Amino acid sequence: MLDHLSIQCADLDRSKAFYDTVLATIGGRRVMDFGDVVGYGTDFPDFWIGPAQTGAGFRESHIAFLAPSRDAVDAFQQVAVALGMELLHKARVWPEYHPGYYGAFVRDPDGNNVEAVHHTWER
């Protein structure tokens, strides 16, 4: 249903370094630089970051990125922590969501709750 999502960042260079690194672990990459905003995706930009321009203060967002495997979720967590990001929830199965939901949650440089998730659907 979503085509793309964009967030504003207080320190764009720090956020670029974070997303360049963590999204690579799940198959994402920087696919477009458009002025002072950056688009990430696989084939086309579906996640964008840019400088903070509107509003006052901070309102946390939750952003979940689909990972191709559980190993990719683990790699996402490992590189985020290596970058000094806060680990909110260690990678594990979350059976309260569904039996094959495997996710890890970290804070991005702006304090957003960013997740990598892999779904194994049992039939």
PDB file of N, CA and C in Angstrom:
ATOM      1  N   MET A   1       0.802  -1.187   0.000  1.00  0.00           N
ATOM      2  CA  MET A   1       0.000   0.000   0.000  1.00  0.00           C
ATOM      3  C   MET A   1       0.853   1.262   0.000  1.00  0.00           C
ATOM      4  N   LEU A   2       1.961   1.293   0.731  1.00  0.00           N
ATOM      5  CA  LEU A   2       2.822   2.473   0.720  1.00  0.00           C
ATOM      6  C   LEU A   2       3.693   2.486  -0.535  1.00  0.00           C
ATOM      7  N   ASP A   3       3.883   3.665  -1.091  1.00  0.00           N
ATOM      8  CA  ASP A   3       4.798   3.831  -2.207  1.00  0.00           C
ATOM      9  C   ASP A   3       6.163   4.283  -1.702  1.00  0.00           C
ATOM     10  N   HIS A   4       6.166   5.258  -0.782  1.00  0.00           N
ATOM     11  CA  HIS A   4       7.417   5.693  -0.183  1.00  0.00           C
ATOM     12  C   HIS A   4       7.146   6.418   1.130  1.00  0.00           C
ATOM     13  N   LEU A   5       8.198   6.573   1.913  1.00  0.00           N
ATOM     14  CA  LEU A   5       8.140   7.211   3.219  1.00  0.00           C
ATOM     15  C   LEU A   5       9.347   8.120   3.336  1.00  0.00           C
ATOM     16  N   SER A   6       9.158   9.286   3.949  1.00  0.00           N
ATOM     17  CA  SER A   6      10.245  10.236   4.132  1.00  0.00           C
ATOM     18  C   SER A   6      10.267  10.710   5.576  1.00  0.00           C
ATOM     19  N   ILE A   7      11.476  10.827   6.140  1.00  0.00           N
ATOM     20  CA  ILE A   7      11.625  11.377   7.488  1.00  0.00           C
ATOM     21  C   ILE A   7      12.619  12.530   7.454  1.00  0.00           C
ATOM     22  N   GLN A   8      12.482  13.432   8.429  1.00  0.00           N
ATOM     23  CA  GLN A   8      13.397  14.556   8.570  1.00  0.00           C
ATOM     24  C   GLN A   8      14.436  14.214   9.633  1.00  0.00           C
ATOM     25  N   CYS A   9      15.672  14.640   9.407  1.00  0.00           N
ATOM     26  CA  CYS A   9      16.782  14.287  10.286  1.00  0.00           C
ATOM     27  C   CYS A   9      17.475  15.540  10.809  1.00  0.00           C
ATOM     28  N   ALA A  10      17.814  15.523  12.086  1.00  0.00           N
ATOM     29  CA  ALA A  10      18.505  16.661  12.694  1.00  0.00           C
ATOM     30  C   ALA A  10      19.936  16.780  12.180  1.00  0.00           C
ATOM     31  N   ASP A  11      20.616  15.649  12.022  1.00  0.00           N
ATOM     32  CA  ASP A  11      21.993  15.629  11.523  1.00  0.00           C
ATOM     33  C   ASP A  11      22.008  14.723  10.292  1.00  0.00           C
ATOM     34  N   LEU A  12      21.821  15.319   9.139  1.00  0.00           N
ATOM     35  CA  LEU A  12      21.664  14.548   7.906  1.00  0.00           C
ATOM     36  C   LEU A  12      22.890  13.695   7.596  1.00  0.00           C
ATOM     37  N   ASP A  13      24.088  14.221   7.793  1.00  0.00           N
ATOM     38  CA  ASP A  13      25.294  13.438   7.500  1.00  0.00           C
ATOM     39  C   ASP A  13      25.384  12.199   8.387  1.00  0.00           C
ATOM     40  N   ARG A  14      25.056  12.337   9.656  1.00  0.00           N
ATOM     41  CA  ARG A  14      25.080  11.190  10.573  1.00  0.00           C
ATOM     42  C   ARG A  14      24.013  10.173  10.167  1.00  0.00           C
ATOM     43  N   SER A  15      22.855  10.658   9.781  1.00  0.00           N
ATOM     44  CA  SER A  15      21.785   9.748   9.350  1.00  0.00           C
ATOM     45  C   SER A  15      22.137   9.043   8.051  1.00  0.00           C
ATOM     46  N   LYS A  16      22.774   9.744   7.122  1.00  0.00           N
ATOM     47  CA  LYS A  16      23.226   9.097   5.882  1.00  0.00           C
ATOM     48  C   LYS A  16      24.184   7.948   6.202  1.00  0.00           C
ATOM     49  N   ALA A  17      25.150   8.195   7.083  1.00  0.00           N
ATOM     50  CA  ALA A  17      26.121   7.156   7.445  1.00  0.00           C
ATOM     51  C   ALA A  17      25.412   5.962   8.078  1.00  0.00           C
ATOM     52  N   PHE A  18      24.436   6.228   8.948  1.00  0.00           N
ATOM     53  CA  PHE A  18      23.672   5.154   9.593  1.00  0.00           C
ATOM     54  C   PHE A  18      22.903   4.346   8.566  1.00  0.00           C
ATOM     55  N   TYR A  19      22.063   4.998   7.772  1.00  0.00           N
ATOM     56  CA  TYR A  19      21.219   4.266   6.824  1.00  0.00           C
ATOM     57  C   TYR A  19      22.030   3.629   5.694  1.00  0.00           C
ATOM     58  N   ASP A  20      23.102   4.272   5.229  1.00  0.00           N
ATOM     59  CA  ASP A  20      23.978   3.639   4.237  1.00  0.00           C
ATOM     60  C   ASP A  20      24.464   2.285   4.745  1.00  0.00           C
ATOM     61  N   THR A  21      24.816   2.219   6.023  1.00  0.00           N
ATOM     62  CA  THR A  21      25.408   1.019   6.602  1.00  0.00           C
ATOM     63  C   THR A  21      24.366  -0.032   6.959  1.00  0.00           C
ATOM     64  N   VAL A  22      23.321   0.355   7.701  1.00  0.00           N
ATOM     65  CA  VAL A  22      22.372  -0.673   8.170  1.00  0.00           C
ATOM     66  C   VAL A  22      21.493  -1.207   7.048  1.00  0.00           C
ATOM     67  N   LEU A  23      21.111  -0.373   6.100  1.00  0.00           N
ATOM     68  CA  LEU A  23      20.251  -0.873   5.028  1.00  0.00           C
ATOM     69  C   LEU A  23      20.992  -1.815   4.089  1.00  0.00           C
ATOM     70  N   ALA A  24      22.308  -1.667   3.993  1.00  0.00           N
ATOM     71  CA  ALA A  24      23.092  -2.592   3.170  1.00  0.00           C
ATOM     72  C   ALA A  24      23.003  -4.026   3.698  1.00  0.00           C
ATOM     73  N   THR A  25      22.800  -4.194   5.000  1.00  0.00           N
ATOM     74  CA  THR A  25      22.730  -5.538   5.583  1.00  0.00           C
ATOM     75  C   THR A  25      21.471  -6.287   5.176  1.00  0.00           C
ATOM     76  N   ILE A  26      20.436  -5.560   4.734  1.00  0.00           N
ATOM     77  CA  ILE A  26      19.174  -6.208   4.365  1.00  0.00           C
ATOM     78  C   ILE A  26      18.860  -6.045   2.876  1.00  0.00           C
ATOM     79  N   GLY A  27      19.882  -5.657   2.102  1.00  0.00           N
ATOM     80  CA  GLY A  27      19.725  -5.580   0.654  1.00  0.00           C
ATOM     81  C   GLY A  27      19.353  -4.216   0.118  1.00  0.00           C
ATOM     82  N   GLY A  28      19.274  -3.225   0.985  1.00  0.00           N
ATOM     83  CA  GLY A  28      18.963  -1.862   0.537  1.00  0.00           C
ATOM     84  C   GLY A  28      20.220  -1.080   0.221  1.00  0.00           C
ATOM     85  N   ARG A  29      20.018   0.012  -0.501  1.00  0.00           N
ATOM     86  CA  ARG A  29      21.160   0.865  -0.842  1.00  0.00           C
ATOM     87  C   ARG A  29      20.651   2.255  -1.171  1.00  0.00           C
ATOM     88  N   ARG A  30      21.580   3.204  -1.177  1.00  0.00           N
ATOM     89  CA  ARG A  30      21.250   4.558  -1.607  1.00  0.00           C
ATOM     90  C   ARG A  30      21.071   4.514  -3.117  1.00  0.00           C
ATOM     91  N   VAL A  31      19.874   4.868  -3.604  1.00  0.00           N
ATOM     92  CA  VAL A  31      19.621   4.809  -5.040  1.00  0.00           C
ATOM     93  C   VAL A  31      19.458   6.181  -5.670  1.00  0.00           C
ATOM     94  N   MET A  32      19.310   7.228  -4.847  1.00  0.00           N
ATOM     95  CA  MET A  32      19.160   8.554  -5.433  1.00  0.00           C
ATOM     96  C   MET A  32      19.521   9.642  -4.427  1.00  0.00           C
ATOM     97  N   ASP A  33      20.315  10.585  -4.891  1.00  0.00           N
ATOM     98  CA  ASP A  33      20.545  11.825  -4.158  1.00  0.00           C
ATOM     99  C   ASP A  33      19.801  12.897  -4.941  1.00  0.00           C
ATOM    100  N   PHE A  34      18.886  13.575  -4.284  1.00  0.00           N
ATOM    101  CA  PHE A  34      18.027  14.560  -4.936  1.00  0.00           C
ATOM    102  C   PHE A  34      18.112  15.846  -4.131  1.00  0.00           C
ATOM    103  N   GLY A  35      19.026  16.724  -4.533  1.00  0.00           N
ATOM    104  CA  GLY A  35      19.263  17.932  -3.745  1.00  0.00           C
ATOM    105  C   GLY A  35      19.809  17.556  -2.386  1.00  0.00           C
ATOM    106  N   ASP A  36      19.117  17.996  -1.337  1.00  0.00           N
ATOM    107  CA  ASP A  36      19.590  17.680   0.009  1.00  0.00           C
ATOM    108  C   ASP A  36      18.826  16.522   0.650  1.00  0.00           C
ATOM    109  N   VAL A  37      18.160  15.692  -0.155  1.00  0.00           N
ATOM    110  CA  VAL A  37      17.507  14.487   0.359  1.00  0.00           C
ATOM    111  C   VAL A  37      18.099  13.254  -0.310  1.00  0.00           C
ATOM    112  N   VAL A  38      17.983  12.122   0.361  1.00  0.00           N
ATOM    113  CA  VAL A  38      18.562  10.872  -0.115  1.00  0.00           C
ATOM    114  C   VAL A  38      17.476   9.810  -0.140  1.00  0.00           C
ATOM    115  N   GLY A  39      17.404   9.062  -1.245  1.00  0.00           N
ATOM    116  CA  GLY A  39      16.437   7.979  -1.375  1.00  0.00           C
ATOM    117  C   GLY A  39      17.117   6.629  -1.323  1.00  0.00           C
ATOM    118  N   TYR A  40      16.528   5.721  -0.537  1.00  0.00           N
ATOM    119  CA  TYR A  40      17.041   4.357  -0.384  1.00  0.00           C
ATOM    120  C   TYR A  40      16.016   3.369  -0.902  1.00  0.00           C
ATOM    121  N   GLY A  41      16.508   2.226  -1.359  1.00  0.00           N
ATOM    122  CA  GLY A  41      15.624   1.169  -1.816  1.00  0.00           C
ATOM    123  C   GLY A  41      16.437   0.042  -2.400  1.00  0.00           C
ATOM    124  N   THR A  42      15.776  -0.751  -3.237  1.00  0.00           N
ATOM    125  CA  THR A  42      16.472  -1.814  -3.959  1.00  0.00           C
ATOM    126  C   THR A  42      16.552  -1.444  -5.430  1.00  0.00           C
ATOM    127  N   ASP A  43      15.411  -1.170  -6.039  1.00  0.00           N
ATOM    128  CA  ASP A  43      15.378  -0.761  -7.440  1.00  0.00           C
ATOM    129  C   ASP A  43      15.008   0.712  -7.612  1.00  0.00           C
ATOM    130  N   PHE A  44      14.177   1.216  -6.719  1.00  0.00           N
ATOM    131  CA  PHE A  44      13.763   2.616  -6.760  1.00  0.00           C
ATOM    132  C   PHE A  44      13.672   3.105  -5.314  1.00  0.00           C
ATOM    133  N   PRO A  45      13.726   4.415  -5.100  1.00  0.00           N
ATOM    134  CA  PRO A  45      13.723   4.929  -3.732  1.00  0.00           C
ATOM    135  C   PRO A  45      12.332   4.851  -3.096  1.00  0.00           C
ATOM    136  N   ASP A  46      12.231   4.070  -2.023  1.00  0.00           N
ATOM    137  CA  ASP A  46      10.967   4.013  -1.299  1.00  0.00           C
ATOM    138  C   ASP A  46      11.092   4.509   0.140  1.00  0.00           C
ATOM    139  N   PHE A  47      12.321   4.813   0.566  1.00  0.00           N
ATOM    140  CA  PHE A  47      12.559   5.407   1.876  1.00  0.00           C
ATOM    141  C   PHE A  47      13.488   6.600   1.692  1.00  0.00           C
ATOM    142  N   TRP A  48      13.070   7.755   2.173  1.00  0.00           N
ATOM    143  CA  TRP A  48      13.813   9.006   1.979  1.00  0.00           C
ATOM    144  C   TRP A  48      14.181   9.629   3.315  1.00  0.00           C
ATOM    145  N   ILE A  49      15.368  10.255   3.356  1.00  0.00           N
ATOM    146  CA  ILE A  49      15.744  11.078   4.507  1.00  0.00           C
ATOM    147  C   ILE A  49      16.139  12.456   3.998  1.00  0.00           C
ATOM    148  N   GLY A  50      15.885  13.451   4.823  1.00  0.00           N
ATOM    149  CA  GLY A  50      16.245  14.820   4.470  1.00  0.00           C
ATOM    150  C   GLY A  50      16.446  15.636   5.731  1.00  0.00           C
ATOM    151  N   PRO A  51      16.858  16.882   5.571  1.00  0.00           N
ATOM    152  CA  PRO A  51      17.092  17.729   6.743  1.00  0.00           C
ATOM    153  C   PRO A  51      15.777  18.133   7.418  1.00  0.00           C
ATOM    154  N   ALA A  52      15.853  18.361   8.720  1.00  0.00           N
ATOM    155  CA  ALA A  52      14.681  18.837   9.468  1.00  0.00           C
ATOM    156  C   ALA A  52      14.306  20.212   8.948  1.00  0.00           C
ATOM    157  N   GLN A  53      13.041  20.365   8.551  1.00  0.00           N
ATOM    158  CA  GLN A  53      12.591  21.640   7.987  1.00  0.00           C
ATOM    159  C   GLN A  53      11.296  22.141   8.586  1.00  0.00           C
ATOM    160  N   THR A  54      10.491  21.258   9.158  1.00  0.00           N
ATOM    161  CA  THR A  54       9.187  21.666   9.664  1.00  0.00           C
ATOM    162  C   THR A  54       8.981  21.158  11.081  1.00  0.00           C
ATOM    163  N   GLY A  55       8.112  21.829  11.797  1.00  0.00           N
ATOM    164  CA  GLY A  55       7.738  21.394  13.137  1.00  0.00           C
ATOM    165  C   GLY A  55       8.784  21.716  14.172  1.00  0.00           C
ATOM    166  N   ALA A  56       8.341  21.684  15.403  1.00  0.00           N
ATOM    167  CA  ALA A  56       9.238  21.911  16.532  1.00  0.00           C
ATOM    168  C   ALA A  56       9.250  20.651  17.386  1.00  0.00           C
ATOM    169  N   GLY A  57      10.407  20.317  17.906  1.00  0.00           N
ATOM    170  CA  GLY A  57      10.501  19.145  18.752  1.00  0.00           C
ATOM    171  C   GLY A  57      10.596  17.863  17.950  1.00  0.00           C
ATOM    172  N   PHE A  58      10.456  16.758  18.659  1.00  0.00           N
ATOM    173  CA  PHE A  58      10.643  15.441  18.057  1.00  0.00           C
ATOM    174  C   PHE A  58       9.453  14.562  18.387  1.00  0.00           C
ATOM    175  N   ARG A  59       8.994  13.836  17.390  1.00  0.00           N
ATOM    176  CA  ARG A  59       7.967  12.814  17.584  1.00  0.00           C
ATOM    177  C   ARG A  59       8.499  11.526  16.997  1.00  0.00           C
ATOM    178  N   GLU A  60       8.670  10.533  17.839  1.00  0.00           N
ATOM    179  CA  GLU A  60       9.245   9.261  17.412  1.00  0.00           C
ATOM    180  C   GLU A  60       8.388   8.582  16.349  1.00  0.00           C
ATOM    181  N   SER A  61       9.072   8.023  15.364  1.00  0.00           N
ATOM    182  CA  SER A  61       8.434   7.185  14.351  1.00  0.00           C
ATOM    183  C   SER A  61       8.959   5.765  14.499  1.00  0.00           C
ATOM    184  N   HIS A  62       8.155   4.802  14.085  1.00  0.00           N
ATOM    185  CA  HIS A  62       8.599   3.412  14.006  1.00  0.00           C
ATOM    186  C   HIS A  62       8.669   3.055  12.525  1.00  0.00           C
ATOM    187  N   ILE A  63       9.844   2.597  12.097  1.00  0.00           N
ATOM    188  CA  ILE A  63      10.070   2.262  10.699  1.00  0.00           C
ATOM    189  C   ILE A  63      10.589   0.829  10.662  1.00  0.00           C
ATOM    190  N   ALA A  64       9.880  -0.058   9.985  1.00  0.00           N
ATOM    191  CA  ALA A  64      10.294  -1.452   9.879  1.00  0.00           C
ATOM    192  C   ALA A  64      10.689  -1.757   8.441  1.00  0.00           C
ATOM    193  N   PHE A  65      11.888  -2.287   8.276  1.00  0.00           N
ATOM    194  CA  PHE A  65      12.401  -2.666   6.966  1.00  0.00           C
ATOM    195  C   PHE A  65      12.374  -4.184   6.840  1.00  0.00           C
ATOM    196  N   LEU A  66      11.891  -4.667   5.702  1.00  0.00           N
ATOM    197  CA  LEU A  66      11.819  -6.096   5.440  1.00  0.00           C
ATOM    198  C   LEU A  66      13.214  -6.642   5.128  1.00  0.00           C
ATOM    199  N   ALA A  67      13.602  -7.679   5.857  1.00  0.00           N
ATOM    200  CA  ALA A  67      14.905  -8.313   5.659  1.00  0.00           C
ATOM    201  C   ALA A  67      14.715  -9.641   4.923  1.00  0.00           C
ATOM    202  N   PRO A  68      15.680 -10.031   4.088  1.00  0.00           N
ATOM    203  CA  PRO A  68      15.535 -11.260   3.312  1.00  0.00           C
ATOM    204  C   PRO A  68      15.753 -12.542   4.117  1.00  0.00           C
ATOM    205  N   SER A  69      16.314 -12.421   5.329  1.00  0.00           N
ATOM    206  CA  SER A  69      16.599 -13.622   6.123  1.00  0.00           C
ATOM    207  C   SER A  69      16.804 -13.218   7.582  1.00  0.00           C
ATOM    208  N   ARG A  70      16.810 -14.209   8.445  1.00  0.00           N
ATOM    209  CA  ARG A  70      17.128 -13.957   9.855  1.00  0.00           C
ATOM    210  C   ARG A  70      18.582 -13.521  10.011  1.00  0.00           C
ATOM    211  N   ASP A  71      19.460 -14.081   9.201  1.00  0.00           N
ATOM    212  CA  ASP A  71      20.866 -13.661   9.253  1.00  0.00           C
ATOM    213  C   ASP A  71      21.006 -12.181   8.928  1.00  0.00           C
ATOM    214  N   ALA A  72      20.204 -11.690   7.991  1.00  0.00           N
ATOM    215  CA  ALA A  72      20.247 -10.270   7.648  1.00  0.00           C
ATOM    216  C   ALA A  72      19.754  -9.416   8.817  1.00  0.00           C
ATOM    217  N   VAL A  73      18.745  -9.879   9.537  1.00  0.00           N
ATOM    218  CA  VAL A  73      18.281  -9.164  10.737  1.00  0.00           C
ATOM    219  C   VAL A  73      19.415  -9.094  11.755  1.00  0.00           C
ATOM    220  N   ASP A  74      20.099 -10.209  11.956  1.00  0.00           N
ATOM    221  CA  ASP A  74      21.228 -10.236  12.895  1.00  0.00           C
ATOM    222  C   ASP A  74      22.332  -9.276  12.464  1.00  0.00           C
ATOM    223  N   ALA A  75      22.628  -9.231  11.165  1.00  0.00           N
ATOM    224  CA  ALA A  75      23.661  -8.326  10.651  1.00  0.00           C
ATOM    225  C   ALA A  75      23.237  -6.870  10.842  1.00  0.00           C
ATOM    226  N   PHE A  76      21.977  -6.564  10.589  1.00  0.00           N
ATOM    227  CA  PHE A  76      21.430  -5.228  10.809  1.00  0.00           C
ATOM    228  C   PHE A  76      21.670  -4.796  12.257  1.00  0.00           C
ATOM    229  N   GLN A  77      21.314  -5.667  13.186  1.00  0.00           N
ATOM    230  CA  GLN A  77      21.514  -5.362  14.602  1.00  0.00           C
ATOM    231  C   GLN A  77      22.988  -5.141  14.911  1.00  0.00           C
ATOM    232  N   GLN A  78      23.840  -6.020  14.416  1.00  0.00           N
ATOM    233  CA  GLN A  78      25.270  -5.953  14.702  1.00  0.00           C
ATOM    234  C   GLN A  78      25.886  -4.639  14.208  1.00  0.00           C
ATOM    235  N   VAL A  79      25.576  -4.239  12.982  1.00  0.00           N
ATOM    236  CA  VAL A  79      26.198  -3.008  12.475  1.00  0.00           C
ATOM    237  C   VAL A  79      25.602  -1.765  13.136  1.00  0.00           C
ATOM    238  N   ALA A  80      24.322  -1.791  13.471  1.00  0.00           N
ATOM    239  CA  ALA A  80      23.722  -0.647  14.163  1.00  0.00           C
ATOM    240  C   ALA A  80      24.385  -0.431  15.518  1.00  0.00           C
ATOM    241  N   VAL A  81      24.583  -1.506  16.267  1.00  0.00           N
ATOM    242  CA  VAL A  81      25.236  -1.410  17.568  1.00  0.00           C
ATOM    243  C   VAL A  81      26.688  -0.976  17.399  1.00  0.00           C
ATOM    244  N   ALA A  82      27.368  -1.490  16.372  1.00  0.00           N
ATOM    245  CA  ALA A  82      28.757  -1.085  16.106  1.00  0.00           C
ATOM    246  C   ALA A  82      28.852   0.401  15.779  1.00  0.00           C
ATOM    247  N   LEU A  83      27.778   0.963  15.214  1.00  0.00           N
ATOM    248  CA  LEU A  83      27.736   2.404  14.927  1.00  0.00           C
ATOM    249  C   LEU A  83      27.396   3.228  16.166  1.00  0.00           C
ATOM    250  N   GLY A  84      27.177   2.557  17.296  1.00  0.00           N
ATOM    251  CA  GLY A  84      26.884   3.253  18.539  1.00  0.00           C
ATOM    252  C   GLY A  84      25.410   3.512  18.798  1.00  0.00           C
ATOM    253  N   MET A  85      24.546   2.871  18.019  1.00  0.00           N
ATOM    254  CA  MET A  85      23.110   3.069  18.199  1.00  0.00           C
ATOM    255  C   MET A  85      22.600   2.233  19.373  1.00  0.00           C
ATOM    256  N   GLU A  86      21.556   2.736  20.021  1.00  0.00           N
ATOM    257  CA  GLU A  86      20.941   2.037  21.138  1.00  0.00           C
ATOM    258  C   GLU A  86      20.166   0.819  20.626  1.00  0.00           C
ATOM    259  N   LEU A  87      20.384  -0.327  21.261  1.00  0.00           N
ATOM    260  CA  LEU A  87      19.636  -1.537  20.949  1.00  0.00           C
ATOM    261  C   LEU A  87      18.375  -1.528  21.800  1.00  0.00           C
ATOM    262  N   LEU A  88      17.226  -1.428  21.149  1.00  0.00           N
ATOM    263  CA  LEU A  88      15.954  -1.402  21.871  1.00  0.00           C
ATOM    264  C   LEU A  88      15.484  -2.813  22.209  1.00  0.00           C
ATOM    265  N   HIS A  89      15.533  -3.704  21.220  1.00  0.00           N
ATOM    266  CA  HIS A  89      15.118  -5.091  21.414  1.00  0.00           C
ATOM    267  C   HIS A  89      16.015  -5.979  20.571  1.00  0.00           C
ATOM    268  N   LYS A  90      16.700  -6.882  21.233  1.00  0.00           N
ATOM    269  CA  LYS A  90      17.596  -7.818  20.569  1.00  0.00           C
ATOM    270  C   LYS A  90      16.826  -8.691  19.576  1.00  0.00           C
ATOM    271  N   ALA A  91      17.499  -9.078  18.507  1.00  0.00           N
ATOM    272  CA  ALA A  91      16.885  -9.937  17.493  1.00  0.00           C
ATOM    273  C   ALA A  91      16.364 -11.219  18.132  1.00  0.00           C
ATOM    274  N   ARG A  92      15.091 -11.504  17.838  1.00  0.00           N
ATOM    275  CA  ARG A  92      14.471 -12.719  18.357  1.00  0.00           C
ATOM    276  C   ARG A  92      13.150 -12.948  17.630  1.00  0.00           C
ATOM    277  N   VAL A  93      12.558 -14.106  17.869  1.00  0.00           N
ATOM    278  CA  VAL A  93      11.214 -14.388  17.382  1.00  0.00           C
ATOM    279  C   VAL A  93      10.226 -13.665  18.301  1.00  0.00           C
ATOM    280  N   TRP A  94       9.245 -13.028  17.681  1.00  0.00           N
ATOM    281  CA  TRP A  94       8.190 -12.319  18.405  1.00  0.00           C
ATOM    282  C   TRP A  94       6.876 -13.056  18.158  1.00  0.00           C
ATOM    283  N   PRO A  95       6.600 -14.139  18.920  1.00  0.00           N
ATOM    284  CA  PRO A  95       5.408 -14.945  18.651  1.00  0.00           C
ATOM    285  C   PRO A  95       4.100 -14.203  18.905  1.00  0.00           C
ATOM    286  N   GLU A  96       4.155 -13.116  19.673  1.00  0.00           N
ATOM    287  CA  GLU A  96       2.943 -12.339  19.895  1.00  0.00           C
ATOM    288  C   GLU A  96       2.483 -11.634  18.615  1.00  0.00           C
ATOM    289  N   TYR A  97       3.390 -11.457  17.641  1.00  0.00           N
ATOM    290  CA  TYR A  97       3.011 -10.896  16.342  1.00  0.00           C
ATOM    291  C   TYR A  97       2.559 -12.011  15.406  1.00  0.00           C
ATOM    292  N   HIS A  98       3.405 -13.014  15.231  1.00  0.00           N
ATOM    293  CA  HIS A  98       3.062 -14.288  14.600  1.00  0.00           C
ATOM    294  C   HIS A  98       4.256 -15.210  14.796  1.00  0.00           C
ATOM    295  N   PRO A  99       4.081 -16.529  14.696  1.00  0.00           N
ATOM    296  CA  PRO A  99       5.149 -17.471  15.061  1.00  0.00           C
ATOM    297  C   PRO A  99       6.448 -17.311  14.272  1.00  0.00           C
ATOM    298  N   GLY A 100       6.416 -16.779  13.068  1.00  0.00           N
ATOM    299  CA  GLY A 100       7.624 -16.643  12.260  1.00  0.00           C
ATOM    300  C   GLY A 100       8.154 -15.223  12.167  1.00  0.00           C
ATOM    301  N   TYR A 101       7.747 -14.347  13.084  1.00  0.00           N
ATOM    302  CA  TYR A 101       8.167 -12.938  13.057  1.00  0.00           C
ATOM    303  C   TYR A 101       9.491 -12.827  13.793  1.00  0.00           C
ATOM    304  N   TYR A 102      10.564 -12.477  13.065  1.00  0.00           N
ATOM    305  CA  TYR A 102      11.909 -12.358  13.638  1.00  0.00           C
ATOM    306  C   TYR A 102      12.384 -10.935  13.412  1.00  0.00           C
ATOM    307  N   GLY A 103      12.593 -10.190  14.493  1.00  0.00           N
ATOM    308  CA  GLY A 103      12.950  -8.790  14.331  1.00  0.00           C
ATOM    309  C   GLY A 103      13.939  -8.294  15.365  1.00  0.00           C
ATOM    310  N   ALA A 104      14.632  -7.217  15.003  1.00  0.00           N
ATOM    311  CA  ALA A 104      15.533  -6.489  15.891  1.00  0.00           C
ATOM    312  C   ALA A 104      15.194  -5.009  15.782  1.00  0.00           C
ATOM    313  N   PHE A 105      15.263  -4.300  16.911  1.00  0.00           N
ATOM    314  CA  PHE A 105      14.866  -2.898  16.980  1.00  0.00           C
ATOM    315  C   PHE A 105      16.009  -2.062  17.542  1.00  0.00           C
ATOM    316  N   VAL A 106      16.322  -0.948  16.861  1.00  0.00           N
ATOM    317  CA  VAL A 106      17.380  -0.036  17.306  1.00  0.00           C
ATOM    318  C   VAL A 106      16.878   1.410  17.188  1.00  0.00           C
ATOM    319  N   ARG A 107      17.603   2.327  17.800  1.00  0.00           N
ATOM    320  CA  ARG A 107      17.344   3.749  17.619  1.00  0.00           C
ATOM    321  C   ARG A 107      18.227   4.263  16.486  1.00  0.00           C
ATOM    322  N   ASP A 108      17.669   5.099  15.629  1.00  0.00           N
ATOM    323  CA  ASP A 108      18.496   5.755  14.616  1.00  0.00           C
ATOM    324  C   ASP A 108      19.100   7.021  15.235  1.00  0.00           C
ATOM    325  N   PRO A 109      19.933   7.766  14.506  1.00  0.00           N
ATOM    326  CA  PRO A 109      20.566   8.947  15.088  1.00  0.00           C
ATOM    327  C   PRO A 109      19.587  10.011  15.601  1.00  0.00           C
ATOM    328  N   ASP A 110      18.348  10.007  15.105  1.00  0.00           N
ATOM    329  CA  ASP A 110      17.363  10.982  15.568  1.00  0.00           C
ATOM    330  C   ASP A 110      16.458  10.434  16.669  1.00  0.00           C
ATOM    331  N   GLY A 111      16.622   9.190  17.045  1.00  0.00           N
ATOM    332  CA  GLY A 111      15.811   8.615  18.106  1.00  0.00           C
ATOM    333  C   GLY A 111      14.616   7.810  17.630  1.00  0.00           C
ATOM    334  N   ASN A 112      14.485   7.628  16.322  1.00  0.00           N
ATOM    335  CA  ASN A 112      13.388   6.806  15.809  1.00  0.00           C
ATOM    336  C   ASN A 112      13.637   5.333  16.108  1.00  0.00           C
ATOM    337  N   ASN A 113      12.559   4.588  16.240  1.00  0.00           N
ATOM    338  CA  ASN A 113      12.597   3.150  16.467  1.00  0.00           C
ATOM    339  C   ASN A 113      12.648   2.481  15.090  1.00  0.00           C
ATOM    340  N   VAL A 114      13.809   1.932  14.740  1.00  0.00           N
ATOM    341  CA  VAL A 114      14.020   1.341  13.421  1.00  0.00           C
ATOM    342  C   VAL A 114      14.207  -0.165  13.587  1.00  0.00           C
ATOM    343  N   GLU A 115      13.479  -0.909  12.783  1.00  0.00           N
ATOM    344  CA  GLU A 115      13.444  -2.361  12.902  1.00  0.00           C
ATOM    345  C   GLU A 115      13.823  -3.020  11.575  1.00  0.00           C
ATOM    346  N   ALA A 116      14.501  -4.155  11.692  1.00  0.00           N
ATOM    347  CA  ALA A 116      14.640  -5.077  10.557  1.00  0.00           C
ATOM    348  C   ALA A 116      13.834  -6.311  10.931  1.00  0.00           C
ATOM    349  N   VAL A 117      13.008  -6.780   9.999  1.00  0.00           N
ATOM    350  CA  VAL A 117      12.135  -7.914  10.287  1.00  0.00           C
ATOM    351  C   VAL A 117      12.143  -8.901   9.127  1.00  0.00           C
ATOM    352  N   HIS A 118      12.144 -10.178   9.493  1.00  0.00           N
ATOM    353  CA  HIS A 118      12.003 -11.261   8.515  1.00  0.00           C
ATOM    354  C   HIS A 118      10.799 -12.093   8.919  1.00  0.00           C
ATOM    355  N   HIS A 119       9.950 -12.405   7.946  1.00  0.00           N
ATOM    356  CA  HIS A 119       8.750 -13.194   8.208  1.00  0.00           C
ATOM    357  C   HIS A 119       8.923 -14.599   7.635  1.00  0.00           C
ATOM    358  N   THR A 120       8.737 -15.605   8.488  1.00  0.00           N
ATOM    359  CA  THR A 120       8.665 -16.990   8.040  1.00  0.00           C
ATOM    360  C   THR A 120       7.237 -17.428   8.323  1.00  0.00           C
ATOM    361  N   TRP A 121       6.486 -17.612   7.278  1.00  0.00           N
ATOM    362  CA  TRP A 121       5.084 -17.972   7.443  1.00  0.00           C
ATOM    363  C   TRP A 121       4.943 -19.474   7.478  1.00  0.00           C
ATOM    364  N   GLU A 122       4.387 -19.951   8.571  1.00  0.00           N
ATOM    365  CA  GLU A 122       4.137 -21.393   8.706  1.00  0.00           C
ATOM    366  C   GLU A 122       2.751 -21.683   8.178  1.00  0.00           C
ATOM    367  N   ARG A 123       2.650 -22.735   7.407  1.00  0.00           N
ATOM    368  CA  ARG A 123       1.344 -23.093   6.811  1.00  0.00           C
ATOM    369  C   ARG A 123       0.815 -24.351   7.408  1.00  0.00           C
TER     370      ARG A 123
END
